[in-house]
């Protein structure tokens, strides 16, 4: 499992199963983080510089965008399927 080096991804008492290996992304490297590519896609889909009337409206837009991605697995694979992940 690859993780970024955010402080909340580190736990002193975490027990890692024997069949799992943790590896860390380099610090300050959002270009390597698959989730960042999904967020960039969300930002390009028309939500930039938009004023929402409420947090519910923001959540609704995000949910719609996530459903759109869920319906297009090849798009998600294109955005997140880095060779170092796929070939691990």
Protein backbone atom coordinates (compact mmCIF):
# COMPACT_ATOMS: atom_id res chain seq x y z
CA UNK A 1 0.00 0.00 0.00
CA UNK A 2 1.37 3.38 -1.02
CA UNK A 3 0.68 6.35 1.20
CA UNK A 4 1.70 9.96 1.21
CA UNK A 5 3.61 11.19 4.22
CA UNK A 6 0.77 13.09 5.84
CA UNK A 7 1.04 13.01 9.61
CA UNK A 8 -2.35 11.29 9.94
CA UNK A 9 -1.04 8.34 7.92
CA UNK A 10 1.48 7.49 10.62
CA UNK A 11 0.53 5.69 13.80
CA UNK A 12 2.83 4.48 16.54
CA UNK A 13 0.69 1.46 17.45
CA UNK A 14 -0.30 0.38 13.94
CA UNK A 15 -0.03 -3.35 13.41
CA UNK A 16 0.69 -4.14 9.77
CA UNK A 17 -0.44 -7.58 8.58
CA UNK A 18 2.28 -9.91 7.35
CA UNK A 19 0.84 -9.93 3.82
CA UNK A 20 0.93 -6.14 3.48
CA UNK A 21 3.87 -3.84 2.76
CA UNK A 22 3.69 -0.09 3.28
CA UNK A 23 5.64 2.23 1.04
CA UNK A 24 5.76 6.01 1.15
CA UNK A 25 5.45 8.51 -1.66
CA UNK A 26 8.20 11.13 -1.71
CA UNK A 27 7.37 14.22 0.36
CA UNK A 28 5.81 17.17 -1.45
CA UNK A 29 5.05 15.17 -4.58
CA UNK A 30 1.35 15.56 -5.33
CA UNK A 31 2.03 14.57 -8.94
CA UNK A 32 2.71 11.02 -7.68
CA UNK A 33 -0.47 10.77 -5.60
CA UNK A 34 -3.35 9.24 -7.58
CA UNK A 35 -5.94 11.01 -5.42
CA UNK A 36 -4.48 14.38 -6.41
CA UNK A 37 -5.17 13.60 -10.06
CA UNK A 38 -8.79 12.91 -9.22
CA UNK A 39 -9.00 16.23 -7.35
CA UNK A 40 -7.49 18.03 -10.36
CA UNK A 41 -10.14 16.43 -12.57
CA UNK A 42 -12.82 17.65 -10.18
CA UNK A 43 -11.36 21.17 -10.27
CA UNK A 44 -11.34 21.22 -14.07
CA UNK A 45 -14.95 20.06 -14.30
CA UNK A 46 -16.39 23.49 -13.70
CA UNK A 47 -16.13 24.03 -9.96
CA UNK A 48 -13.32 26.55 -9.99
CA UNK A 49 -14.12 30.12 -9.02
CA UNK A 50 -17.69 29.19 -8.22
CA UNK A 51 -19.48 30.48 -5.15
CA UNK A 52 -21.72 27.87 -3.60
CA UNK A 53 -24.74 28.83 -1.54
CA UNK A 54 -24.08 26.20 1.11
CA UNK A 55 -21.87 23.29 2.11
CA UNK A 56 -24.69 21.02 0.93
CA UNK A 57 -24.29 22.51 -2.55
CA UNK A 58 -20.54 21.85 -2.45
CA UNK A 59 -21.17 18.30 -1.29
CA UNK A 60 -23.78 17.80 -4.01
CA UNK A 61 -21.33 18.92 -6.71
CA UNK A 62 -18.63 16.63 -5.34
CA UNK A 63 -21.01 13.66 -5.16
CA UNK A 64 -22.10 14.26 -8.75
CA UNK A 65 -18.46 14.39 -9.89
CA UNK A 66 -17.63 11.21 -8.00
CA UNK A 67 -20.60 9.38 -9.51
CA UNK A 68 -19.43 10.48 -12.94
CA UNK A 69 -15.97 9.04 -12.24
CA UNK A 70 -17.49 5.86 -10.83
CA UNK A 71 -19.38 5.34 -14.08
CA UNK A 72 -16.18 5.67 -16.11
CA UNK A 73 -13.60 3.20 -14.75
CA UNK A 74 -11.36 3.61 -17.78
CA UNK A 75 -11.09 7.35 -16.98
CA UNK A 76 -10.16 6.58 -13.38
CA UNK A 77 -7.57 4.07 -14.57
CA UNK A 78 -6.13 6.67 -16.95
CA UNK A 79 -5.92 9.28 -14.18
CA UNK A 80 -4.53 7.01 -11.46
CA UNK A 81 -2.95 3.95 -13.08
CA UNK A 82 0.67 4.93 -12.81
CA UNK A 83 3.09 2.19 -13.94
CA UNK A 84 4.63 2.00 -10.46
CA UNK A 85 1.18 1.15 -9.09
CA UNK A 86 -0.06 -1.16 -11.85
CA UNK A 87 3.22 -3.10 -12.04
CA UNK A 88 3.71 -3.48 -8.26
